Structures are given as C-alpha cells and as structure tokens.
C-alpha cells in the first residue's frame, strides 16, 4: 500500500488516489468545484484545529465536558426525567435498530415495523382514539401539525386557533410558524388559577375558530378539571378540540376520548429517553375519520401472500413521497428509534407499572409542595389544584435570585415569575429531596 493510500480513515475512507479518480470521472478538478457557495458566506481560512490521536481527543473532550456544572435538576415544563430501565438501552442499541433509517423495505424491517405498530397501539389504548402517528419531532411540531390538520377537514371552518395564555413561549413560536402558511391566526384565552377560564373561553369562541387547544397537565403542573366542558364548547362551534398531554399522565388522568378530544399531541419521550432539553418525540393521535389527513407516517398490519401477519409503512403522506404538493406534512426526519425506546419502556412497565409511575407523579409533587410550604418565605403550591409532577411556589425573595443561589448549591429550578419558581419531582430526584428542601430554606431567608 502506498503512503497516499494509507491516509484513508474509518470515517473518510477515500484516499487522494480514489478521490482524484472520482473527480476525473465527473470532469472537475477539485471537490470545491462540485459546490456553488456564494463568496459572502464562504469560509476561507484555517480552522486551526490541531491534529490529535483518539486518546488525546477523548481526553480533550472529557476535559471540556468536565467544566459543566453538576446540577441536580428539579426542572420540568415539558422535559421530564424518569428512570429508563437498562433493558431499553440494551435492546434499542442493537445494530438492526440503531443503524436503521426509515423502514421503507418491509421485507427486511418486520421487527422494527412491528415495534412501531405496538407503539401506535399503546397510544391508541391510552387515548381512546383510533389512529396514532408512529413518529414526529416533538410536542411543539405536533401542535403545529394539529393546527394545519384543522384546515384540511371539511367539518371544520374558520381561521382562528385558540391557545391558553400560559402556553410556553417556545411552543407558541413553533405554532406561529406553522400558522403563517395557511393564514391561521393564533390567539390566547385566559386561565384562572392555572386552569382554563371556561367563561372567557366560551366568550372567545365563535364560528370562525378552527381549533381550541388545552393541556392536561398544564405547563404549571396543574390537573385540568374542566376538559369535558372545553370539548363541548369547541364542539358547539364545530371547532377541533386538541389536547396536549403525555403517555405517563394519560395512564392516570381522564382519557382524551372521554372528554371529547379530536386530536391528542404532546411529547412521548417521558418514556424511554430521559430528559434531553430539546430532543424529544412528538405524539400525534386522532380520530379514525381523520385517517387520511394525518401528517407523516403510519405503520399498518396486513397479511402476506402466505397468509402470515405482516407490517408495512402506509399512508406516507410527507412531501418527499409521491404526494408532493398534496402532502399533509413536510416533516422528513424520522423519530422511529425514539418511538421504539418509548414502546420498550412502556412494555417493560406494563399497565400496572405505568399506573404506579403516574400515581407517584401526583404524590411526589404533593408531598414536596407540603414540605416547601413549611419554609419561611415560601408558599407552595401557588395554585389551589391537584398537581402532576410539578408545581409553582411563591417566594418572598426575588425568584431569579433564588434560582441562582440554588444553582450555586447544585440544584436547578425554573424561575417563572418575579416571585415564582417551578419545581418538578420524579423518582430520579428522590434521594436529593431532603438536601434540596434544606438548601431552599437557607437561600429563601
């Protein structure tokens, strides 16, 4: 082997010789000639990245990561850290799952397709609705897709989407992006003590409303008590009722179908992934009559020519497929591996285990709030409601100062108002609760 050929690596295996042969075959002198990059954005300098061995690179990266603060996170607001059993990592890390992309070829992807079918089936059982999407980006994009779905339904008219005034800013921004294309107008309706103000919602409703969105639990951790009334109010104006939730909460709370929900959206990564603060798995479930308007991909079950049960992707209505301009969605990236992890976690828990986890989300929040309420200068919870996982506490001292002082002591919470912090409790923070309460009592003086 020549010195030139020896320069290939496992990551970029083309040597100078093979690269020159390929460039000659296409009739150009360099790789740069294959790209048309405007001078205004072209980078014409040295990256100044020193060459390092694998050992040196690992040591360098570990040194950088070691500078991160080691915080115990009592954070929530859409990102929830539940214990993920080791069986999920072990099975999901198998090469046939980890290296798979979209399961376009059913003859070689039956195992993965069946897992996704089971994931869809679990969501159908939890929601009481008929059709579940097998993968979507996150809760925010799922909400955006629900809004555009409302524009494709003949039973729905209007161009207004109503959302609670407590909707997280990031989720609202994504919804606004989605709404801009079809010309939807996103408006807020008031909440009272953390929950929907039903009278104000009814006043805001009209025949020009295409969709009403509510959450259970809410972004502040409260359990919404009037969902059936929200569904009735939306139905009275032929508007779509979209409910935001997650798989763990649905194991305990009212089923979306029982309160009149037409679409259920949210983040399913509370199972199988652990908190990643940005990385998620959007869930999207709807009524069977909306089947052909569902965004993205569905896995279906059928029989092959030998009469054996078989699985395949069906209704692939994304823009890169044959639908093109008639597509129901332009989502391309597939979150199937994350859905696989969620299905594995749910199967490992089983119905009883999932219910136990959901019940603990109520009791942990209630018990921690009671302990914090006993601290001088703190009142918890702010809302006189039942809570799920998290709650808001009032602090006499400025909330941002409390948050910063807690961070200095190794604990992360959200500051959500001038004198309000939000705290989330799950099984992963159980051992830290005593020290956290003591620390909060110190910094809240």
Protein backbone atom coordinates (compact mmCIF):
# COMPACT_ATOMS: atom_id res chain seq x y z
CA UNK A 1 0.00 0.00 0.00
CA UNK A 2 1.36 3.42 -0.92
CA UNK A 3 1.71 6.23 1.59
CA UNK A 4 -1.07 8.03 -0.28
CA UNK A 5 -3.48 5.10 0.07
CA UNK A 6 -2.63 4.67 3.75
CA UNK A 7 -4.16 8.04 4.59
CA UNK A 8 -7.70 6.71 4.46
CA UNK A 9 -9.57 6.56 7.79
CA UNK A 10 -12.65 4.67 9.02
CA UNK A 11 -14.54 7.97 8.90
CA UNK A 12 -13.38 9.29 5.48
CA UNK A 13 -12.10 6.24 3.60
CA UNK A 14 -11.46 7.90 0.24
CA UNK A 15 -7.75 8.40 -0.36
CA UNK A 16 -6.22 11.07 -2.59
CA UNK A 17 -5.92 8.49 -5.38
CA UNK A 18 -9.56 7.36 -5.25
CA UNK A 19 -10.77 10.95 -4.87
CA UNK A 20 -8.79 12.03 -7.96
CA UNK A 21 -10.27 9.14 -9.94
CA UNK A 22 -13.83 10.12 -8.98
CA UNK A 23 -13.23 13.79 -9.79
CA UNK A 24 -11.79 12.79 -13.17
CA UNK A 25 -14.86 10.65 -13.86
CA UNK A 26 -17.21 13.62 -13.35
CA UNK A 27 -14.91 16.06 -15.13
CA UNK A 28 -13.89 18.51 -12.40
CA UNK A 29 -10.55 19.41 -10.86
CA UNK A 30 -11.48 19.58 -7.17
CA UNK A 31 -14.21 18.84 -4.67
CA UNK A 32 -14.82 22.59 -4.30
CA UNK A 33 -15.94 22.71 -7.92
CA UNK A 34 -18.88 20.46 -7.03
CA UNK A 35 -20.39 23.18 -4.83
CA UNK A 36 -21.68 26.65 -5.65
CA UNK A 37 -21.08 28.56 -2.40
CA UNK A 38 -21.56 32.37 -2.52
CA UNK A 39 -18.43 34.28 -1.54
CA UNK A 40 -20.42 36.20 1.08
CA UNK A 41 -20.88 33.05 3.16
CA UNK A 42 -17.83 31.02 2.12
CA UNK A 43 -15.26 30.29 4.84
CA UNK A 44 -11.77 30.96 3.53
CA UNK A 45 -9.47 30.50 6.49
CA UNK A 46 -7.80 27.85 8.62
CA UNK A 47 -9.99 26.08 11.18
CA UNK A 48 -6.93 25.94 13.44
CA UNK A 49 -7.90 22.54 14.86
CA UNK A 50 -4.77 20.69 15.97
CA UNK A 51 -4.37 17.07 14.98
CA UNK A 52 -4.91 14.66 17.87
CA UNK A 53 -4.90 10.93 18.37
CA UNK A 54 -8.07 9.16 19.53
CA UNK A 55 -6.77 9.01 23.11
CA UNK A 56 -5.84 12.71 23.06
CA UNK A 57 -9.22 13.63 21.57
CA UNK A 58 -11.13 11.70 24.23
CA UNK A 59 -9.10 13.34 26.98
CA UNK A 60 -9.65 16.79 25.47
CA UNK A 61 -13.42 16.33 25.14
CA UNK A 62 -13.72 14.91 28.65
CA UNK A 63 -11.90 17.97 29.95
CA UNK A 64 -14.39 20.27 28.23
CA UNK A 65 -17.40 18.31 29.47
CA UNK A 66 -15.92 18.25 32.95
CA UNK A 67 -16.36 22.02 33.16
CA UNK A 68 -20.15 21.62 33.10
CA UNK A 69 -21.98 22.31 36.34
CA UNK A 70 -23.10 19.12 38.06
CA UNK A 71 -26.68 20.10 38.91
CA UNK A 72 -29.50 18.00 40.27
CA UNK A 73 -32.38 19.07 38.05
CA UNK A 74 -35.77 19.75 39.58
CA UNK A 75 -36.81 21.05 36.17
CA UNK A 76 -39.93 20.25 34.19
CA UNK A 77 -42.08 22.40 31.91
CA UNK A 78 -42.18 19.84 29.13
CA UNK A 79 -38.95 17.93 29.82
CA UNK A 80 -39.29 15.10 32.34
CA UNK A 81 -36.63 12.81 33.70
CA UNK A 82 -37.95 9.36 34.54
CA UNK A 83 -35.73 6.36 35.22
CA UNK A 84 -35.13 4.45 31.99
CA UNK A 85 -34.52 0.74 32.64
CA UNK A 86 -31.28 -0.69 31.28
CA UNK A 87 -33.18 -3.11 29.07
CA UNK A 88 -34.18 -0.16 26.87
CA UNK A 89 -30.57 0.83 26.18
CA UNK A 90 -29.55 -2.77 25.72
CA UNK A 91 -32.26 -3.67 23.20
CA UNK A 92 -32.52 -0.33 21.40
CA UNK A 93 -28.74 -0.34 20.94
CA UNK A 94 -28.85 -3.45 18.79
CA UNK A 95 -27.46 -2.70 15.35
CA UNK A 96 -30.63 -3.63 13.48
CA UNK A 97 -32.40 -0.85 15.37
CA UNK A 98 -29.68 1.72 15.91
CA UNK A 99 -28.42 1.84 12.32
CA UNK A 100 -31.87 1.68 10.73
CA UNK A 101 -33.35 4.68 8.97
CA UNK A 102 -36.89 4.71 7.61
CA UNK A 103 -38.42 1.26 7.23
CA UNK A 104 -39.20 1.61 3.52
CA UNK A 105 -38.43 -2.05 2.76
CA UNK A 106 -40.84 -4.14 4.83
CA UNK A 107 -39.24 -7.41 3.78
CA UNK A 108 -36.14 -6.54 5.82
CA UNK A 109 -37.73 -4.41 8.56
CA UNK A 110 -40.52 -6.52 10.02
CA UNK A 111 -39.15 -6.38 13.57
CA UNK A 112 -38.86 -2.60 13.66
CA UNK A 113 -42.21 -2.13 11.91
CA UNK A 114 -43.90 -4.38 14.46
CA UNK A 115 -42.35 -2.39 17.32
CA UNK A 116 -43.70 0.83 15.81
CA UNK A 117 -47.10 -0.78 15.33
CA UNK A 118 -47.07 -1.70 19.03
CA UNK A 119 -46.10 1.89 19.90
CA UNK A 120 -49.08 3.16 17.89
CA UNK A 121 -51.32 0.58 19.58
CA UNK A 122 -50.21 1.73 23.04
CA UNK A 123 -51.08 5.34 22.22
CA UNK A 124 -54.46 4.30 20.84
CA UNK A 125 -55.18 2.42 24.08
CA UNK A 126 -54.07 5.33 26.27
CA UNK A 127 -56.03 7.99 24.35
CA UNK A 128 -59.14 6.05 23.34
CA UNK A 129 -58.80 7.48 19.83
CA UNK A 130 -58.38 5.43 16.67
CA UNK A 131 -55.20 6.42 14.83
CA UNK A 132 -51.67 7.21 16.07
CA UNK A 133 -48.71 8.55 14.13
CA UNK A 134 -45.56 6.44 14.51
CA UNK A 135 -43.08 9.33 14.82
CA UNK A 136 -42.95 13.11 14.93
CA UNK A 137 -40.36 15.66 16.05
CA UNK A 138 -41.69 16.94 19.38
CA UNK A 139 -44.73 18.36 21.16
CA UNK A 140 -44.46 21.78 19.51
CA UNK A 141 -44.42 20.46 15.95
CA UNK A 142 -47.24 18.04 16.80
CA UNK A 143 -49.32 21.04 17.91
CA UNK A 144 -48.47 22.85 14.67
CA UNK A 145 -49.50 19.80 12.65
CA UNK A 146 -52.81 19.67 14.54
CA UNK A 147 -53.49 23.28 13.58
CA UNK A 148 -52.86 22.61 9.88
CA UNK A 149 -54.95 19.42 10.15
CA UNK A 150 -57.91 21.59 11.15
CA UNK A 151 -57.64 23.38 7.81
CA UNK A 152 -57.93 20.13 5.84
CA UNK A 153 -61.13 18.91 7.49
CA UNK A 154 -64.39 19.64 5.74
CA UNK A 155 -66.20 19.54 9.06
CA UNK A 156 -64.14 22.49 10.38
CA UNK A 157 -64.20 26.06 9.12
CA UNK A 158 -62.54 29.24 10.32
CA UNK A 159 -59.01 30.54 10.63
CA UNK A 160 -58.55 31.20 14.36
CA UNK A 161 -56.68 28.90 16.76
CA UNK A 162 -57.22 29.46 20.48
CA UNK A 163 -54.49 28.53 22.97
CA UNK A 164 -54.15 29.17 26.73
CA UNK A 165 -52.29 32.28 27.80
CA UNK A 166 -49.87 30.10 29.79
CA UNK A 167 -48.60 28.28 26.67
CA UNK A 168 -44.79 28.02 26.70
CA UNK A 169 -43.14 30.66 24.52
CA UNK A 170 -41.15 28.11 22.51
CA UNK A 171 -44.24 26.05 21.71
CA UNK A 172 -46.14 29.20 20.75
CA UNK A 173 -43.33 30.28 18.41
CA UNK A 174 -43.41 26.95 16.55
CA UNK A 175 -47.21 27.14 16.30
CA UNK A 176 -46.96 30.67 14.89
CA UNK A 177 -44.55 29.39 12.22
CA UNK A 178 -46.98 26.65 11.24
CA UNK A 179 -49.93 29.04 11.25
CA UNK A 180 -48.29 31.53 8.89
CA UNK A 181 -48.52 29.27 5.83
CA UNK A 182 -52.26 28.54 5.75
CA UNK A 183 -53.10 32.00 7.10
CA UNK A 184 -54.24 30.95 10.57
CA UNK A 185 -54.45 33.46 13.40
CA UNK A 186 -53.29 32.27 16.82
CA UNK A 187 -54.99 33.93 19.80
CA UNK A 188 -54.90 33.30 23.55
CA UNK A 189 -57.72 32.77 26.00
CA UNK A 190 -57.38 33.43 29.76
CA UNK A 191 -56.63 30.96 32.50
CA UNK A 192 -57.65 31.25 36.15
CA UNK A 193 -55.55 29.75 38.95
CA UNK A 194 -53.57 27.79 36.36
CA UNK A 195 -56.55 26.23 34.57
CA UNK A 196 -58.88 27.16 31.71
CA UNK A 197 -61.24 30.06 32.38
CA UNK A 198 -64.31 28.41 30.83
CA UNK A 199 -66.44 31.57 30.72
CA UNK A 200 -63.66 33.50 28.98
CA UNK A 201 -63.09 30.65 26.54
CA UNK A 202 -66.79 30.48 25.63
CA UNK A 203 -66.75 34.24 25.05
CA UNK A 204 -63.70 33.96 22.77
CA UNK A 205 -65.22 31.13 20.74
CA UNK A 206 -67.06 31.74 17.51
CA UNK A 207 -67.81 30.04 14.22
CA UNK A 208 -64.52 31.38 12.86
CA UNK A 209 -62.50 29.24 15.32
CA UNK A 210 -60.85 26.22 13.71
CA UNK A 211 -59.20 24.69 16.79
CA UNK A 212 -59.12 25.00 20.57
CA UNK A 213 -56.02 23.78 22.41
CA UNK A 214 -55.79 22.88 26.09
CA UNK A 215 -53.27 20.93 28.18
CA UNK A 216 -53.59 18.32 30.91
CA UNK A 217 -51.44 18.56 32.97
CA UNK A 218 -50.85 22.23 32.25
CA UNK A 219 -47.44 23.79 31.84
CA UNK A 220 -47.56 24.78 35.52
CA UNK A 221 -48.30 21.21 36.60
CA UNK A 222 -51.98 21.66 37.44
CA UNK A 223 -54.52 18.99 36.51
CA UNK A 224 -57.23 20.47 34.28
CA UNK A 225 -60.65 19.76 35.80
CA UNK A 226 -62.98 21.08 33.10
CA UNK A 227 -61.79 19.33 29.97
CA UNK A 228 -65.18 17.89 29.04
CA UNK A 229 -66.62 21.41 29.15
CA UNK A 230 -63.79 22.63 26.91
CA UNK A 231 -64.58 19.85 24.45
CA UNK A 232 -68.30 20.70 24.50
CA UNK A 233 -67.59 24.39 23.93
CA UNK A 234 -65.35 23.63 20.95
CA UNK A 235 -67.86 21.18 19.50
CA UNK A 236 -70.68 23.73 19.76
CA UNK A 237 -68.80 25.84 17.21
CA UNK A 238 -67.61 22.91 15.05
CA UNK A 239 -64.02 23.58 16.15
CA UNK A 240 -61.40 20.88 16.60
CA UNK A 241 -60.51 20.15 20.24
CA UNK A 242 -56.78 19.44 20.59
CA UNK A 243 -55.45 18.19 23.92
CA UNK A 244 -51.79 18.32 24.97
CA UNK A 245 -50.58 15.61 27.36
CA UNK A 246 -48.05 12.76 27.67
CA UNK A 247 -48.17 8.94 27.99
CA UNK A 248 -47.43 8.80 31.71
CA UNK A 249 -50.16 11.31 32.56
CA UNK A 250 -52.70 9.50 30.36
CA UNK A 251 -52.24 6.34 32.41
CA UNK A 252 -53.98 8.09 35.34
CA UNK A 253 -55.97 11.07 34.09
CA UNK A 254 -59.20 11.11 32.09
CA UNK A 255 -58.79 9.56 28.66
CA UNK A 256 -58.76 12.20 25.92
CA UNK A 257 -61.59 10.45 24.04
CA UNK A 258 -63.84 10.62 27.12
CA UNK A 259 -63.57 14.44 27.25
CA UNK A 260 -64.22 14.90 23.55
CA UNK A 261 -60.69 15.40 22.25
CA UNK A 262 -60.36 15.18 18.46
CA UNK A 263 -56.55 15.27 18.43
CA UNK A 264 -54.00 14.47 21.14
CA UNK A 265 -50.50 15.89 20.91
CA UNK A 266 -47.56 16.03 23.28
CA UNK A 267 -44.13 14.62 23.94
CA UNK A 268 -43.81 10.85 24.37
CA UNK A 269 -40.13 10.96 25.32
CA UNK A 270 -41.09 11.00 29.00
CA UNK A 271 -40.78 7.25 28.40
CA UNK A 272 -37.62 5.66 27.06
CA UNK A 273 -35.33 8.64 26.76
CA UNK A 274 -34.97 10.66 29.92
CA UNK A 275 -34.74 14.41 29.78
CA UNK A 276 -32.66 15.88 26.96
CA UNK A 277 -33.85 19.53 27.00
CA UNK A 278 -34.59 19.79 23.29
CA UNK A 279 -34.56 16.25 21.96
CA UNK A 280 -37.98 14.65 22.07
CA UNK A 281 -40.64 12.52 20.43
CA UNK A 282 -43.85 14.11 19.30
CA UNK A 283 -47.02 12.09 19.74
CA UNK A 284 -49.99 12.64 17.47
CA UNK A 285 -53.23 10.67 17.85
CA UNK A 286 -56.59 11.45 16.29
CA UNK A 287 -60.00 10.09 15.35
CA UNK A 288 -60.23 7.36 12.73
CA UNK A 289 -62.35 9.52 10.44
CA UNK A 290 -59.35 11.85 10.04
CA UNK A 291 -57.11 8.97 8.97
CA UNK A 292 -56.24 10.31 5.52
CA UNK A 293 -55.42 13.76 6.89
CA UNK A 294 -52.90 12.56 9.48
CA UNK A 295 -49.41 14.04 8.97
CA UNK A 296 -46.44 11.78 8.49
CA UNK A 297 -46.21 8.02 8.54
CA UNK A 298 -48.36 5.20 9.86
CA UNK A 299 -47.47 1.53 10.25
CA UNK A 300 -50.21 -0.85 9.17
CA UNK A 301 -50.77 -4.58 9.70
CA UNK A 302 -51.87 -6.90 6.91
CA UNK A 303 -51.15 -10.40 5.56
CA UNK A 304 -48.54 -11.50 3.04
CA UNK A 305 -49.27 -13.89 0.17
CA UNK A 306 -48.69 -16.82 2.53
CA UNK A 307 -51.31 -15.63 5.00
CA UNK A 308 -48.78 -14.52 7.60
CA UNK A 309 -49.22 -11.30 9.56
CA UNK A 310 -47.04 -8.59 8.03
CA UNK A 311 -46.30 -4.92 8.72
CA UNK A 312 -45.60 -2.05 6.34
CA UNK A 313 -45.44 1.72 6.24
CA UNK A 314 -48.70 3.05 4.88
CA UNK A 315 -50.17 6.47 4.15
CA UNK A 316 -46.72 8.05 3.78
CA UNK A 317 -48.15 11.50 3.15
CA UNK A 318 -44.98 13.52 3.59
CA UNK A 319 -43.76 15.84 0.88
CA UNK A 320 -40.77 13.73 -0.21
CA UNK A 321 -43.07 10.91 -1.29
CA UNK A 322 -45.45 10.77 -4.22
CA UNK A 323 -47.90 13.23 -2.69
CA UNK A 324 -45.61 16.24 -3.24
CA UNK A 325 -47.70 19.43 -3.13
CA UNK A 326 -50.71 17.43 -1.90
CA UNK A 327 -48.79 16.15 1.13
CA UNK A 328 -50.29 16.57 4.58
CA UNK A 329 -46.92 17.41 6.13
CA UNK A 330 -43.38 18.41 5.19
CA UNK A 331 -41.80 16.63 8.17
CA UNK A 332 -38.99 14.45 6.82
CA UNK A 333 -36.80 13.24 9.67
CA UNK A 334 -37.95 10.02 11.29
CA UNK A 335 -38.11 9.70 15.10
CA UNK A 336 -38.81 5.98 14.90
CA UNK A 337 -35.87 4.93 17.09
CA UNK A 338 -37.10 7.19 19.88
CA UNK A 339 -40.61 5.78 19.47
CA UNK A 340 -39.08 2.32 19.72
CA UNK A 341 -37.48 3.26 23.06
CA UNK A 342 -40.79 4.66 24.35
CA UNK A 343 -42.58 1.44 23.38
CA UNK A 344 -39.90 -0.68 25.08
CA UNK A 345 -40.16 1.35 28.28
CA UNK A 346 -43.96 1.18 28.31
CA UNK A 347 -43.90 -2.59 27.68
CA UNK A 348 -41.35 -3.07 30.46
CA UNK A 349 -43.57 -1.13 32.90
CA UNK A 350 -46.78 -2.82 31.81
CA UNK A 351 -50.22 -1.34 32.59
CA UNK A 352 -49.82 -1.62 36.37
CA UNK A 353 -46.28 -0.24 36.36
CA UNK A 354 -47.28 2.71 34.18
CA UNK A 355 -50.18 3.49 36.50
CA UNK A 356 -47.89 3.25 39.54
CA UNK A 357 -45.47 5.70 37.90
CA UNK A 358 -48.30 8.12 37.15
CA UNK A 359 -49.63 7.95 40.70
CA UNK A 360 -46.14 8.66 42.05
CA UNK A 361 -46.07 11.81 39.92
CA UNK A 362 -49.05 13.07 41.93
CA UNK A 363 -47.84 12.04 45.37
CA UNK A 364 -44.26 13.23 44.91
CA UNK A 365 -45.41 16.69 43.80
CA UNK A 366 -47.96 16.89 46.63
CA UNK A 367 -45.51 15.79 49.34
CA UNK A 368 -42.68 18.05 48.17
CA UNK A 369 -45.01 21.04 47.92
CA UNK A 370 -46.16 20.43 51.51
CA UNK A 371 -42.57 20.39 52.77
CA UNK A 372 -41.68 23.53 50.86
CA UNK A 373 -44.81 25.30 52.09
CA UNK A 374 -43.46 24.92 55.63
CA UNK A 375 -40.37 27.00 54.73
CA UNK A 376 -40.45 30.60 55.92
CA UNK A 377 -40.68 32.96 52.95
CA UNK A 378 -42.06 30.32 50.56
CA UNK A 379 -45.64 29.31 49.73
CA UNK A 380 -46.42 26.16 47.76
CA UNK A 381 -48.25 25.39 45.65
CA UNK A 382 -49.39 28.71 44.22
CA UNK A 383 -52.41 27.12 42.56
CA UNK A 384 -55.06 25.50 44.74
CA UNK A 385 -55.25 22.47 42.46
CA UNK A 386 -54.14 18.89 42.16
CA UNK A 387 -50.71 18.69 40.51
CA UNK A 388 -48.82 16.22 38.35
CA UNK A 389 -45.01 16.06 38.66
CA UNK A 390 -44.51 19.80 39.19
CA UNK A 391 -45.88 22.90 40.87
CA UNK A 392 -45.21 26.61 41.20
CA UNK A 393 -44.06 28.09 44.52
CA UNK A 394 -44.19 31.76 45.59
CA UNK A 395 -41.01 33.20 47.10
CA UNK A 396 -40.80 36.41 49.12
CA UNK A 397 -37.28 36.92 47.76
CA UNK A 398 -36.86 37.58 44.01
CA UNK A 399 -37.27 34.32 42.12
CA UNK A 400 -34.23 34.85 39.90
CA UNK A 401 -32.03 35.30 42.95
CA UNK A 402 -33.45 32.12 44.49
CA UNK A 403 -32.83 30.23 41.24
CA UNK A 404 -29.24 31.47 41.00
CA UNK A 405 -28.47 30.68 44.65
CA UNK A 406 -29.89 27.17 44.25
CA UNK A 407 -27.77 26.67 41.15
CA UNK A 408 -24.68 27.68 43.09
CA UNK A 409 -25.58 24.96 45.61
CA UNK A 410 -26.10 22.33 42.89
CA UNK A 411 -29.86 22.45 42.22
CA UNK A 412 -31.70 23.61 39.11
CA UNK A 413 -35.24 25.03 39.15
CA UNK A 414 -37.17 27.35 36.84
CA UNK A 415 -37.84 31.00 37.68
CA UNK A 416 -41.24 31.60 36.04
CA UNK A 417 -42.15 34.97 37.52
CA UNK A 418 -40.75 37.79 39.61
CA UNK A 419 -41.53 35.82 42.76
CA UNK A 420 -42.35 32.37 41.42
CA UNK A 421 -40.21 29.29 40.94
CA UNK A 422 -41.35 26.00 39.41
CA UNK A 423 -40.21 22.67 40.81
CA UNK A 424 -40.56 19.19 39.33
CA UNK A 425 -40.19 15.97 41.33
CA UNK A 426 -39.72 12.49 39.85
CA UNK A 427 -38.16 9.25 41.02
CA UNK A 428 -34.75 10.39 39.69
CA UNK A 429 -34.58 13.24 42.24
CA UNK A 430 -35.89 11.22 45.19
CA UNK A 431 -32.57 10.94 47.04
CA UNK A 432 -31.86 14.65 46.66
CA UNK A 433 -35.17 15.91 48.08
CA UNK A 434 -34.07 16.27 51.73
CA UNK A 435 -30.94 18.28 50.89
CA UNK A 436 -32.88 20.34 48.32
CA UNK A 437 -35.51 21.35 50.88
CA UNK A 438 -32.80 22.29 53.41
CA UNK A 439 -30.94 24.31 50.79
CA UNK A 440 -34.09 26.14 49.68
CA UNK A 441 -34.80 27.02 53.30
CA UNK A 442 -31.32 28.58 53.53
CA UNK A 443 -31.46 30.63 50.33
CA UNK A 444 -35.08 31.75 50.83
CA UNK A 445 -34.32 33.63 54.06
